[in-house]
Amino acid sequence: APGKQRELVASIMDSGITNYANFAKGRFNISRDNDKNAVYLQMNSL
């Protein structure tokens, strides 16, 4: 964010294990498509 440091939102390992920042829990969902080398972040209740 403007004037602030970069912070983790969410991450996902190749095993599927996820990690979320507290502000993202319950609102955001991270997923990945290994075949496409892609990662997605669904953000709700913005």
ModelCIF file with pLDDT and N, C-alpha, C, O atoms, coordinates in Angstrom:
data_MODEL
#
_entry.id   MODEL 
#
_entity.id                         1 
_entity.type                       polymer 
_entity.pdbx_number_of_molecules   1 
#
_entity_poly.entity_id                      1 
_entity_poly.type                           'polypeptide(L)' 
_entity_poly.nstd_linkage                   no 
_entity_poly.nstd_monomer                   no 
_entity_poly.pdbx_seq_one_letter_code       APGKQRELVASIMDSGITNYANFAKGRFNISRDNDKNAVYLQMNSL 
_entity_poly.pdbx_seq_one_letter_code_can   APGKQRELVASIMDSGITNYANFAKGRFNISRDNDKNAVYLQMNSL 
_entity_poly.pdbx_strand_id                 A 
#
loop_
_entity_poly_seq.entity_id 
_entity_poly_seq.num 
_entity_poly_seq.mon_id 
_entity_poly_seq.hetero 
1 1  ALA n 
1 2  PRO n 
1 3  GLY n 
1 4  LYS n 
1 5  GLN n 
1 6  ARG n 
1 7  GLU n 
1 8  LEU n 
1 9  VAL n 
1 10 ALA n 
1 11 SER n 
1 12 ILE n 
1 13 MET n 
1 14 ASP n 
1 15 SER n 
1 16 GLY n 
1 17 ILE n 
1 18 THR n 
1 19 ASN n 
1 20 TYR n 
1 21 ALA n 
1 22 ASN n 
1 23 PHE n 
1 24 ALA n 
1 25 LYS n 
1 26 GLY n 
1 27 ARG n 
1 28 PHE n 
1 29 ASN n 
1 30 ILE n 
1 31 SER n 
1 32 ARG n 
1 33 ASP n 
1 34 ASN n 
1 35 ASP n 
1 36 LYS n 
1 37 ASN n 
1 38 ALA n 
1 39 VAL n 
1 40 TYR n 
1 41 LEU n 
1 42 GLN n 
1 43 MET n 
1 44 ASN n 
1 45 SER n 
1 46 LEU n 
#
_struct_asym.id          A 
_struct_asym.entity_id   1 
#
loop_
_ma_qa_metric.id 
_ma_qa_metric.mode 
_ma_qa_metric.name 
_ma_qa_metric.software_group_id 
_ma_qa_metric.type 
1 global pLDDT . pLDDT 
2 local  pLDDT . pLDDT 
#
_ma_qa_metric_global.metric_id      1 
_ma_qa_metric_global.metric_value   96.74 
_ma_qa_metric_global.model_id       1 
_ma_qa_metric_global.ordinal_id     1 
#
loop_
_ma_qa_metric_local.label_asym_id 
_ma_qa_metric_local.label_comp_id 
_ma_qa_metric_local.label_seq_id 
_ma_qa_metric_local.metric_id 
_ma_qa_metric_local.metric_value 
_ma_qa_metric_local.model_id 
_ma_qa_metric_local.ordinal_id 
A ALA 1  2 97.00 1 1  
A PRO 2  2 90.00 1 2  
A GLY 3  2 93.00 1 3  
A LYS 4  2 96.00 1 4  
A GLN 5  2 97.00 1 5  
A ARG 6  2 97.00 1 6  
A GLU 7  2 98.00 1 7  
A LEU 8  2 98.00 1 8  
A VAL 9  2 98.00 1 9  
A ALA 10 2 98.00 1 10 
A SER 11 2 98.00 1 11 
A ILE 12 2 98.00 1 12 
A MET 13 2 97.00 1 13 
A ASP 14 2 94.00 1 14 
A SER 15 2 93.00 1 15 
A GLY 16 2 95.00 1 16 
A ILE 17 2 97.00 1 17 
A THR 18 2 98.00 1 18 
A ASN 19 2 98.00 1 19 
A TYR 20 2 98.00 1 20 
A ALA 21 2 98.00 1 21 
A ASN 22 2 98.00 1 22 
A PHE 23 2 98.00 1 23 
A ALA 24 2 98.00 1 24 
A LYS 25 2 97.00 1 25 
A GLY 26 2 97.00 1 26 
A ARG 27 2 98.00 1 27 
A PHE 28 2 98.00 1 28 
A ASN 29 2 98.00 1 29 
A ILE 30 2 98.00 1 30 
A SER 31 2 98.00 1 31 
A ARG 32 2 97.00 1 32 
A ASP 33 2 95.00 1 33 
A ASN 34 2 92.00 1 34 
A ASP 35 2 92.00 1 35 
A LYS 36 2 94.00 1 36 
A ASN 37 2 96.00 1 37 
A ALA 38 2 97.00 1 38 
A VAL 39 2 97.00 1 39 
A TYR 40 2 98.00 1 40 
A LEU 41 2 98.00 1 41 
A GLN 42 2 98.00 1 42 
A MET 43 2 98.00 1 43 
A ASN 44 2 98.00 1 44 
A SER 45 2 98.00 1 45 
A LEU 46 2 98.00 1 46 
#
loop_
_atom_site.group_PDB 
_atom_site.id 
_atom_site.type_symbol 
_atom_site.label_atom_id 
_atom_site.label_alt_id 
_atom_site.label_comp_id 
_atom_site.label_asym_id 
_atom_site.label_entity_id 
_atom_site.label_seq_id 
_atom_site.pdbx_PDB_ins_code 
_atom_site.Cartn_x 
_atom_site.Cartn_y 
_atom_site.Cartn_z 
_atom_site.occupancy 
_atom_site.B_iso_or_equiv 
_atom_site.pdbx_formal_charge 
_atom_site.auth_seq_id 
_atom_site.auth_comp_id 
_atom_site.auth_asym_id 
_atom_site.auth_atom_id 
_atom_site.pdbx_PDB_model_num 
ATOM 1   N N  . ALA A 1 1  ? 0.837   -1.180  0.000   1.00 97.00 ? 1  ALA A N  1 
ATOM 2   C CA . ALA A 1 1  ? 0.000   0.000   0.000   1.00 97.00 ? 1  ALA A CA 1 
ATOM 3   C C  . ALA A 1 1  ? 0.881   1.242   0.000   1.00 97.00 ? 1  ALA A C  1 
ATOM 4   O O  . ALA A 1 1  ? 2.047   1.172   0.386   1.00 97.00 ? 1  ALA A O  1 
ATOM 5   N N  . PRO A 1 2  ? 0.339   2.372   -0.426  1.00 90.00 ? 2  PRO A N  1 
ATOM 6   C CA . PRO A 1 2  ? 1.132   3.604   -0.445  1.00 90.00 ? 2  PRO A CA 1 
ATOM 7   C C  . PRO A 1 2  ? 1.718   3.932   0.922   1.00 90.00 ? 2  PRO A C  1 
ATOM 8   O O  . PRO A 1 2  ? 1.001   3.947   1.922   1.00 90.00 ? 2  PRO A O  1 
ATOM 9   N N  . GLY A 1 3  ? 3.011   4.192   0.963   1.00 93.00 ? 3  GLY A N  1 
ATOM 10  C CA . GLY A 1 3  ? 3.673   4.552   2.199   1.00 93.00 ? 3  GLY A CA 1 
ATOM 11  C C  . GLY A 1 3  ? 3.932   3.409   3.151   1.00 93.00 ? 3  GLY A C  1 
ATOM 12  O O  . GLY A 1 3  ? 4.381   3.635   4.275   1.00 93.00 ? 3  GLY A O  1 
ATOM 13  N N  . LYS A 1 4  ? 3.660   2.179   2.730   1.00 96.00 ? 4  LYS A N  1 
ATOM 14  C CA . LYS A 1 4  ? 3.848   1.040   3.600   1.00 96.00 ? 4  LYS A CA 1 
ATOM 15  C C  . LYS A 1 4  ? 4.735   -0.009  2.941   1.00 96.00 ? 4  LYS A C  1 
ATOM 16  O O  . LYS A 1 4  ? 4.957   0.013   1.730   1.00 96.00 ? 4  LYS A O  1 
ATOM 17  N N  . GLN A 1 5  ? 5.233   -0.920  3.755   1.00 97.00 ? 5  GLN A N  1 
ATOM 18  C CA . GLN A 1 5  ? 6.092   -1.977  3.252   1.00 97.00 ? 5  GLN A CA 1 
ATOM 19  C C  . GLN A 1 5  ? 5.278   -3.102  2.623   1.00 97.00 ? 5  GLN A C  1 
ATOM 20  O O  . GLN A 1 5  ? 4.098   -3.288  2.919   1.00 97.00 ? 5  GLN A O  1 
ATOM 21  N N  . ARG A 1 6  ? 5.938   -3.832  1.762   1.00 97.00 ? 6  ARG A N  1 
ATOM 22  C CA . ARG A 1 6  ? 5.302   -4.981  1.138   1.00 97.00 ? 6  ARG A CA 1 
ATOM 23  C C  . ARG A 1 6  ? 5.035   -6.060  2.182   1.00 97.00 ? 6  ARG A C  1 
ATOM 24  O O  . ARG A 1 6  ? 5.867   -6.306  3.055   1.00 97.00 ? 6  ARG A O  1 
ATOM 25  N N  . GLU A 1 7  ? 3.879   -6.698  2.091   1.00 98.00 ? 7  GLU A N  1 
ATOM 26  C CA . GLU A 1 7  ? 3.502   -7.704  3.046   1.00 98.00 ? 7  GLU A CA 1 
ATOM 27  C C  . GLU A 1 7  ? 2.891   -8.913  2.345   1.00 98.00 ? 7  GLU A C  1 
ATOM 28  O O  . GLU A 1 7  ? 2.302   -8.800  1.270   1.00 98.00 ? 7  GLU A O  1 
ATOM 29  N N  . LEU A 1 8  ? 3.046   -10.051 2.972   1.00 98.00 ? 8  LEU A N  1 
ATOM 30  C CA . LEU A 1 8  ? 2.462   -11.273 2.440   1.00 98.00 ? 8  LEU A CA 1 
ATOM 31  C C  . LEU A 1 8  ? 0.947   -11.232 2.561   1.00 98.00 ? 8  LEU A C  1 
ATOM 32  O O  . LEU A 1 8  ? 0.407   -10.840 3.595   1.00 98.00 ? 8  LEU A O  1 
ATOM 33  N N  . VAL A 1 9  ? 0.273   -11.637 1.505   1.00 98.00 ? 9  VAL A N  1 
ATOM 34  C CA . VAL A 1 9  ? -1.167  -11.812 1.531   1.00 98.00 ? 9  VAL A CA 1 
ATOM 35  C C  . VAL A 1 9  ? -1.503  -13.287 1.727   1.00 98.00 ? 9  VAL A C  1 
ATOM 36  O O  . VAL A 1 9  ? -2.232  -13.649 2.650   1.00 98.00 ? 9  VAL A O  1 
ATOM 37  N N  . ALA A 1 10 ? -0.972  -14.123 0.864   1.00 98.00 ? 10 ALA A N  1 
ATOM 38  C CA . ALA A 1 10 ? -1.206  -15.556 0.945   1.00 98.00 ? 10 ALA A CA 1 
ATOM 39  C C  . ALA A 1 10 ? -0.175  -16.276 0.099   1.00 98.00 ? 10 ALA A C  1 
ATOM 40  O O  . ALA A 1 10 ? 0.364   -15.713 -0.854  1.00 98.00 ? 10 ALA A O  1 
ATOM 41  N N  . SER A 1 11 ? 0.093   -17.508 0.447   1.00 98.00 ? 11 SER A N  1 
ATOM 42  C CA . SER A 1 11 ? 1.004   -18.334 -0.328  1.00 98.00 ? 11 SER A CA 1 
ATOM 43  C C  . SER A 1 11 ? 0.473   -19.755 -0.378  1.00 98.00 ? 11 SER A C  1 
ATOM 44  O O  . SER A 1 11 ? -0.325  -20.170 0.462   1.00 98.00 ? 11 SER A O  1 
ATOM 45  N N  . ILE A 1 12 ? 0.931   -20.487 -1.373  1.00 98.00 ? 12 ILE A N  1 
ATOM 46  C CA . ILE A 1 12 ? 0.514   -21.868 -1.522  1.00 98.00 ? 12 ILE A CA 1 
ATOM 47  C C  . ILE A 1 12 ? 1.688   -22.694 -2.023  1.00 98.00 ? 12 ILE A C  1 
ATOM 48  O O  . ILE A 1 12 ? 2.351   -22.325 -2.993  1.00 98.00 ? 12 ILE A O  1 
ATOM 49  N N  . MET A 1 13 ? 1.938   -23.809 -1.358  1.00 97.00 ? 13 MET A N  1 
ATOM 50  C CA . MET A 1 13 ? 3.036   -24.684 -1.722  1.00 97.00 ? 13 MET A CA 1 
ATOM 51  C C  . MET A 1 13 ? 2.614   -25.664 -2.809  1.00 97.00 ? 13 MET A C  1 
ATOM 52  O O  . MET A 1 13 ? 1.432   -25.785 -3.131  1.00 97.00 ? 13 MET A O  1 
ATOM 53  N N  . ASP A 1 14 ? 3.593   -26.354 -3.364  1.00 94.00 ? 14 ASP A N  1 
ATOM 54  C CA . ASP A 1 14 ? 3.275   -27.333 -4.400  1.00 94.00 ? 14 ASP A CA 1 
ATOM 55  C C  . ASP A 1 14 ? 2.412   -28.468 -3.865  1.00 94.00 ? 14 ASP A C  1 
ATOM 56  O O  . ASP A 1 14 ? 1.692   -29.117 -4.625  1.00 94.00 ? 14 ASP A O  1 
ATOM 57  N N  . SER A 1 15 ? 2.484   -28.708 -2.561  1.00 93.00 ? 15 SER A N  1 
ATOM 58  C CA . SER A 1 15 ? 1.666   -29.723 -1.924  1.00 93.00 ? 15 SER A CA 1 
ATOM 59  C C  . SER A 1 15 ? 0.223   -29.271 -1.725  1.00 93.00 ? 15 SER A C  1 
ATOM 60  O O  . SER A 1 15 ? -0.650  -30.087 -1.430  1.00 93.00 ? 15 SER A O  1 
ATOM 61  N N  . GLY A 1 16 ? -0.026  -27.983 -1.884  1.00 95.00 ? 16 GLY A N  1 
ATOM 62  C CA . GLY A 1 16 ? -1.346  -27.437 -1.665  1.00 95.00 ? 16 GLY A CA 1 
ATOM 63  C C  . GLY A 1 16 ? -1.523  -26.760 -0.325  1.00 95.00 ? 16 GLY A C  1 
ATOM 64  O O  . GLY A 1 16 ? -2.569  -26.160 -0.075  1.00 95.00 ? 16 GLY A O  1 
ATOM 65  N N  . ILE A 1 17 ? -0.538  -26.838 0.537   1.00 97.00 ? 17 ILE A N  1 
ATOM 66  C CA . ILE A 1 17 ? -0.612  -26.181 1.834   1.00 97.00 ? 17 ILE A CA 1 
ATOM 67  C C  . ILE A 1 17 ? -0.607  -24.674 1.639   1.00 97.00 ? 17 ILE A C  1 
ATOM 68  O O  . ILE A 1 17 ? 0.209   -24.131 0.894   1.00 97.00 ? 17 ILE A O  1 
ATOM 69  N N  . THR A 1 18 ? -1.524  -24.015 2.314   1.00 98.00 ? 18 THR A N  1 
ATOM 70  C CA . THR A 1 18 ? -1.675  -22.574 2.168   1.00 98.00 ? 18 THR A CA 1 
ATOM 71  C C  . THR A 1 18 ? -1.322  -21.844 3.445   1.00 98.00 ? 18 THR A C  1 
ATOM 72  O O  . THR A 1 18 ? -1.350  -22.407 4.540   1.00 98.00 ? 18 THR A O  1 
ATOM 73  N N  . ASN A 1 19 ? -0.992  -20.585 3.279   1.00 98.00 ? 19 ASN A N  1 
ATOM 74  C CA . ASN A 1 19 ? -0.715  -19.706 4.398   1.00 98.00 ? 19 ASN A CA 1 
ATOM 75  C C  . ASN A 1 19 ? -1.332  -18.351 4.091   1.00 98.00 ? 19 ASN A C  1 
ATOM 76  O O  . ASN A 1 19 ? -1.160  -17.812 2.997   1.00 98.00 ? 19 ASN A O  1 
ATOM 77  N N  . TYR A 1 20 ? -2.055  -17.803 5.068   1.00 98.00 ? 20 TYR A N  1 
ATOM 78  C CA . TYR A 1 20 ? -2.738  -16.533 4.877   1.00 98.00 ? 20 TYR A CA 1 
ATOM 79  C C  . TYR A 1 20 ? -2.338  -15.535 5.940   1.00 98.00 ? 20 TYR A C  1 
ATOM 80  O O  . TYR A 1 20 ? -2.148  -15.888 7.104   1.00 98.00 ? 20 TYR A O  1 
ATOM 81  N N  . ALA A 1 21 ? -2.213  -14.295 5.531   1.00 98.00 ? 21 ALA A N  1 
ATOM 82  C CA . ALA A 1 21 ? -2.100  -13.226 6.499   1.00 98.00 ? 21 ALA A CA 1 
ATOM 83  C C  . ALA A 1 21 ? -3.413  -13.112 7.261   1.00 98.00 ? 21 ALA A C  1 
ATOM 84  O O  . ALA A 1 21 ? -4.470  -13.495 6.760   1.00 98.00 ? 21 ALA A O  1 
ATOM 85  N N  . ASN A 1 22 ? -3.335  -12.586 8.467   1.00 98.00 ? 22 ASN A N  1 
ATOM 86  C CA . ASN A 1 22 ? -4.534  -12.497 9.287   1.00 98.00 ? 22 ASN A CA 1 
ATOM 87  C C  . ASN A 1 22 ? -5.643  -11.688 8.611   1.00 98.00 ? 22 ASN A C  1 
ATOM 88  O O  . ASN A 1 22 ? -6.822  -12.027 8.720   1.00 98.00 ? 22 ASN A O  1 
ATOM 89  N N  . PHE A 1 23 ? -5.262  -10.629 7.921   1.00 98.00 ? 23 PHE A N  1 
ATOM 90  C CA . PHE A 1 23 ? -6.275  -9.804  7.292   1.00 98.00 ? 23 PHE A CA 1 
ATOM 91  C C  . PHE A 1 23 ? -6.959  -10.498 6.125   1.00 98.00 ? 23 PHE A C  1 
ATOM 92  O O  . PHE A 1 23 ? -8.028  -10.077 5.684   1.00 98.00 ? 23 PHE A O  1 
ATOM 93  N N  . ALA A 1 24 ? -6.338  -11.567 5.626   1.00 98.00 ? 24 ALA A N  1 
ATOM 94  C CA . ALA A 1 24 ? -6.885  -12.279 4.478   1.00 98.00 ? 24 ALA A CA 1 
ATOM 95  C C  . ALA A 1 24 ? -7.730  -13.484 4.860   1.00 98.00 ? 24 ALA A C  1 
ATOM 96  O O  . ALA A 1 24 ? -8.526  -13.967 4.056   1.00 98.00 ? 24 ALA A O  1 
ATOM 97  N N  . LYS A 1 25 ? -7.562  -13.962 6.064   1.00 97.00 ? 25 LYS A N  1 
ATOM 98  C CA . LYS A 1 25 ? -8.274  -15.155 6.496   1.00 97.00 ? 25 LYS A CA 1 
ATOM 99  C C  . LYS A 1 25 ? -9.783  -14.936 6.474   1.00 97.00 ? 25 LYS A C  1 
ATOM 100 O O  . LYS A 1 25 ? -10.294 -13.945 6.995   1.00 97.00 ? 25 LYS A O  1 
ATOM 101 N N  . GLY A 1 26 ? -10.475 -15.879 5.862   1.00 97.00 ? 26 GLY A N  1 
ATOM 102 C CA . GLY A 1 26 ? -11.921 -15.797 5.795   1.00 97.00 ? 26 GLY A CA 1 
ATOM 103 C C  . GLY A 1 26 ? -12.445 -14.934 4.670   1.00 97.00 ? 26 GLY A C  1 
ATOM 104 O O  . GLY A 1 26 ? -13.641 -14.957 4.382   1.00 97.00 ? 26 GLY A O  1 
ATOM 105 N N  . ARG A 1 27 ? -11.580 -14.175 4.031   1.00 98.00 ? 27 ARG A N  1 
ATOM 106 C CA . ARG A 1 27 ? -11.999 -13.295 2.940   1.00 98.00 ? 27 ARG A CA 1 
ATOM 107 C C  . ARG A 1 27 ? -11.356 -13.660 1.608   1.00 98.00 ? 27 ARG A C  1 
ATOM 108 O O  . ARG A 1 27 ? -11.999 -13.590 0.560   1.00 98.00 ? 27 ARG A O  1 
ATOM 109 N N  . PHE A 1 28 ? -10.096 -14.046 1.653   1.00 98.00 ? 28 PHE A N  1 
ATOM 110 C CA . PHE A 1 28 ? -9.349  -14.344 0.437   1.00 98.00 ? 28 PHE A CA 1 
ATOM 111 C C  . PHE A 1 28 ? -9.095  -15.833 0.326   1.00 98.00 ? 28 PHE A C  1 
ATOM 112 O O  . PHE A 1 28 ? -9.017  -16.541 1.330   1.00 98.00 ? 28 PHE A O  1 
ATOM 113 N N  . ASN A 1 29 ? -8.967  -16.297 -0.893  1.00 98.00 ? 29 ASN A N  1 
ATOM 114 C CA . ASN A 1 29 ? -8.649  -17.692 -1.143  1.00 98.00 ? 29 ASN A CA 1 
ATOM 115 C C  . ASN A 1 29 ? -7.596  -17.792 -2.233  1.00 98.00 ? 29 ASN A C  1 
ATOM 116 O O  . ASN A 1 29 ? -7.754  -17.229 -3.316  1.00 98.00 ? 29 ASN A O  1 
ATOM 117 N N  . ILE A 1 30 ? -6.524  -18.510 -1.942  1.00 98.00 ? 30 ILE A N  1 
ATOM 118 C CA . ILE A 1 30 ? -5.469  -18.698 -2.913  1.00 98.00 ? 30 ILE A CA 1 
ATOM 119 C C  . ILE A 1 30 ? -5.535  -20.113 -3.469  1.00 98.00 ? 30 ILE A C  1 
ATOM 120 O O  . ILE A 1 30 ? -5.800  -21.066 -2.738  1.00 98.00 ? 30 ILE A O  1 
ATOM 121 N N  . SER A 1 31 ? -5.295  -20.239 -4.746  1.00 98.00 ? 31 SER A N  1 
ATOM 122 C CA . SER A 1 31 ? -5.284  -21.536 -5.397  1.00 98.00 ? 31 SER A CA 1 
ATOM 123 C C  . SER A 1 31 ? -4.255  -21.511 -6.513  1.00 98.00 ? 31 SER A C  1 
ATOM 124 O O  . SER A 1 31 ? -3.781  -20.446 -6.908  1.00 98.00 ? 31 SER A O  1 
ATOM 125 N N  . ARG A 1 32 ? -3.915  -22.679 -7.016  1.00 97.00 ? 32 ARG A N  1 
ATOM 126 C CA . ARG A 1 32 ? -2.947  -22.740 -8.107  1.00 97.00 ? 32 ARG A CA 1 
ATOM 127 C C  . ARG A 1 32 ? -3.311  -23.845 -9.075  1.00 97.00 ? 32 ARG A C  1 
ATOM 128 O O  . ARG A 1 32 ? -3.954  -24.831 -8.718  1.00 97.00 ? 32 ARG A O  1 
ATOM 129 N N  . ASP A 1 33 ? -2.888  -23.654 -10.290 1.00 95.00 ? 33 ASP A N  1 
ATOM 130 C CA . ASP A 1 33 ? -3.050  -24.635 -11.346 1.00 95.00 ? 33 ASP A CA 1 
ATOM 131 C C  . ASP A 1 33 ? -1.651  -24.996 -11.810 1.00 95.00 ? 33 ASP A C  1 
ATOM 132 O O  . ASP A 1 33 ? -1.023  -24.245 -12.556 1.00 95.00 ? 33 ASP A O  1 
ATOM 133 N N  . ASN A 1 34 ? -1.169  -26.130 -11.374 1.00 92.00 ? 34 ASN A N  1 
ATOM 134 C CA . ASN A 1 34 ? 0.200   -26.518 -11.669 1.00 92.00 ? 34 ASN A CA 1 
ATOM 135 C C  . ASN A 1 34 ? 0.436   -26.776 -13.160 1.00 92.00 ? 34 ASN A C  1 
ATOM 136 O O  . ASN A 1 34 ? 1.537   -26.558 -13.666 1.00 92.00 ? 34 ASN A O  1 
ATOM 137 N N  . ASP A 1 35 ? -0.591  -27.234 -13.848 1.00 92.00 ? 35 ASP A N  1 
ATOM 138 C CA . ASP A 1 35 ? -0.458  -27.483 -15.281 1.00 92.00 ? 35 ASP A CA 1 
ATOM 139 C C  . ASP A 1 35 ? -0.234  -26.187 -16.054 1.00 92.00 ? 35 ASP A C  1 
ATOM 140 O O  . ASP A 1 35 ? 0.406   -26.178 -17.105 1.00 92.00 ? 35 ASP A O  1 
ATOM 141 N N  . LYS A 1 36 ? -0.766  -25.105 -15.520 1.00 94.00 ? 36 LYS A N  1 
ATOM 142 C CA . LYS A 1 36 ? -0.645  -23.810 -16.178 1.00 94.00 ? 36 LYS A CA 1 
ATOM 143 C C  . LYS A 1 36 ? 0.409   -22.917 -15.536 1.00 94.00 ? 36 LYS A C  1 
ATOM 144 O O  . LYS A 1 36 ? 0.627   -21.791 -15.983 1.00 94.00 ? 36 LYS A O  1 
ATOM 145 N N  . ASN A 1 37 ? 1.062   -23.414 -14.491 1.00 96.00 ? 37 ASN A N  1 
ATOM 146 C CA . ASN A 1 37 ? 2.008   -22.597 -13.727 1.00 96.00 ? 37 ASN A CA 1 
ATOM 147 C C  . ASN A 1 37 ? 1.369   -21.280 -13.308 1.00 96.00 ? 37 ASN A C  1 
ATOM 148 O O  . ASN A 1 37 ? 1.954   -20.206 -13.448 1.00 96.00 ? 37 ASN A O  1 
ATOM 149 N N  . ALA A 1 38 ? 0.167   -21.396 -12.797 1.00 97.00 ? 38 ALA A N  1 
ATOM 150 C CA . ALA A 1 38 ? -0.608  -20.216 -12.455 1.00 97.00 ? 38 ALA A CA 1 
ATOM 151 C C  . ALA A 1 38 ? -1.051  -20.245 -11.000 1.00 97.00 ? 38 ALA A C  1 
ATOM 152 O O  . ALA A 1 38 ? -1.210  -21.307 -10.398 1.00 97.00 ? 38 ALA A O  1 
ATOM 153 N N  . VAL A 1 39 ? -1.242  -19.074 -10.462 1.00 97.00 ? 39 VAL A N  1 
ATOM 154 C CA . VAL A 1 39 ? -1.763  -18.922 -9.113  1.00 97.00 ? 39 VAL A CA 1 
ATOM 155 C C  . VAL A 1 39 ? -2.847  -17.861 -9.142  1.00 97.00 ? 39 VAL A C  1 
ATOM 156 O O  . VAL A 1 39 ? -2.774  -16.900 -9.908  1.00 97.00 ? 39 VAL A O  1 
ATOM 157 N N  . TYR A 1 40 ? -3.853  -18.044 -8.299  1.00 98.00 ? 40 TYR A N  1 
ATOM 158 C CA . TYR A 1 40 ? -4.999  -17.154 -8.288  1.00 98.00 ? 40 TYR A CA 1 
ATOM 159 C C  . TYR A 1 40 ? -5.274  -16.675 -6.870  1.00 98.00 ? 40 TYR A C  1 
ATOM 160 O O  . TYR A 1 40 ? -4.978  -17.362 -5.893  1.00 98.00 ? 40 TYR A O  1 
ATOM 161 N N  . LEU A 1 41 ? -5.833  -15.507 -6.785  1.00 98.00 ? 41 LEU A N  1 
ATOM 162 C CA . LEU A 1 41 ? -6.251  -14.969 -5.500  1.00 98.00 ? 41 LEU A CA 1 
ATOM 163 C C  . LEU A 1 41 ? -7.667  -14.440 -5.640  1.00 98.00 ? 41 LEU A C  1 
ATOM 164 O O  . LEU A 1 41 ? -7.904  -13.422 -6.291  1.00 98.00 ? 41 LEU A O  1 
ATOM 165 N N  . GLN A 1 42 ? -8.594  -15.140 -5.025  1.00 98.00 ? 42 GLN A N  1 
ATOM 166 C CA . GLN A 1 42 ? -9.981  -14.702 -4.991  1.00 98.00 ? 42 GLN A CA 1 
ATOM 167 C C  . GLN A 1 42 ? -10.167 -13.831 -3.762  1.00 98.00 ? 42 GLN A C  1 
ATOM 168 O O  . GLN A 1 42 ? -9.999  -14.296 -2.635  1.00 98.00 ? 42 GLN A O  1 
ATOM 169 N N  . MET A 1 43 ? -10.509 -12.582 -3.976  1.00 98.00 ? 43 MET A N  1 
ATOM 170 C CA . MET A 1 43 ? -10.664 -11.630 -2.892  1.00 98.00 ? 43 MET A CA 1 
ATOM 171 C C  . MET A 1 43 ? -12.129 -11.258 -2.761  1.00 98.00 ? 43 MET A C  1 
ATOM 172 O O  . MET A 1 43 ? -12.732 -10.720 -3.690  1.00 98.00 ? 43 MET A O  1 
ATOM 173 N N  . ASN A 1 44 ? -12.685 -11.546 -1.617  1.00 98.00 ? 44 ASN A N  1 
ATOM 174 C CA . ASN A 1 44 ? -14.075 -11.238 -1.325  1.00 98.00 ? 44 ASN A CA 1 
ATOM 175 C C  . ASN A 1 44 ? -14.154 -10.270 -0.151  1.00 98.00 ? 44 ASN A C  1 
ATOM 176 O O  . ASN A 1 44 ? -13.187 -10.072 0.584   1.00 98.00 ? 44 ASN A O  1 
ATOM 177 N N  . SER A 1 45 ? -15.321 -9.682  0.001   1.00 98.00 ? 45 SER A N  1 
ATOM 178 C CA . SER A 1 45 ? -15.553 -8.742  1.098   1.00 98.00 ? 45 SER A CA 1 
ATOM 179 C C  . SER A 1 45 ? -14.443 -7.701  1.180   1.00 98.00 ? 45 SER A C  1 
ATOM 180 O O  . SER A 1 45 ? -13.887 -7.448  2.248   1.00 98.00 ? 45 SER A O  1 
ATOM 181 N N  . LEU A 1 46 ? -14.139 -7.116  0.054   1.00 98.00 ? 46 LEU A N  1 
ATOM 182 C CA . LEU A 1 46 ? -13.035 -6.168  -0.024  1.00 98.00 ? 46 LEU A CA 1 
ATOM 183 C C  . LEU A 1 46 ? -13.293 -4.933  0.832   1.00 98.00 ? 46 LEU A C  1 
ATOM 184 O O  . LEU A 1 46 ? -12.458 -4.030  0.880   1.00 98.00 ? 46 LEU A O  1 
#
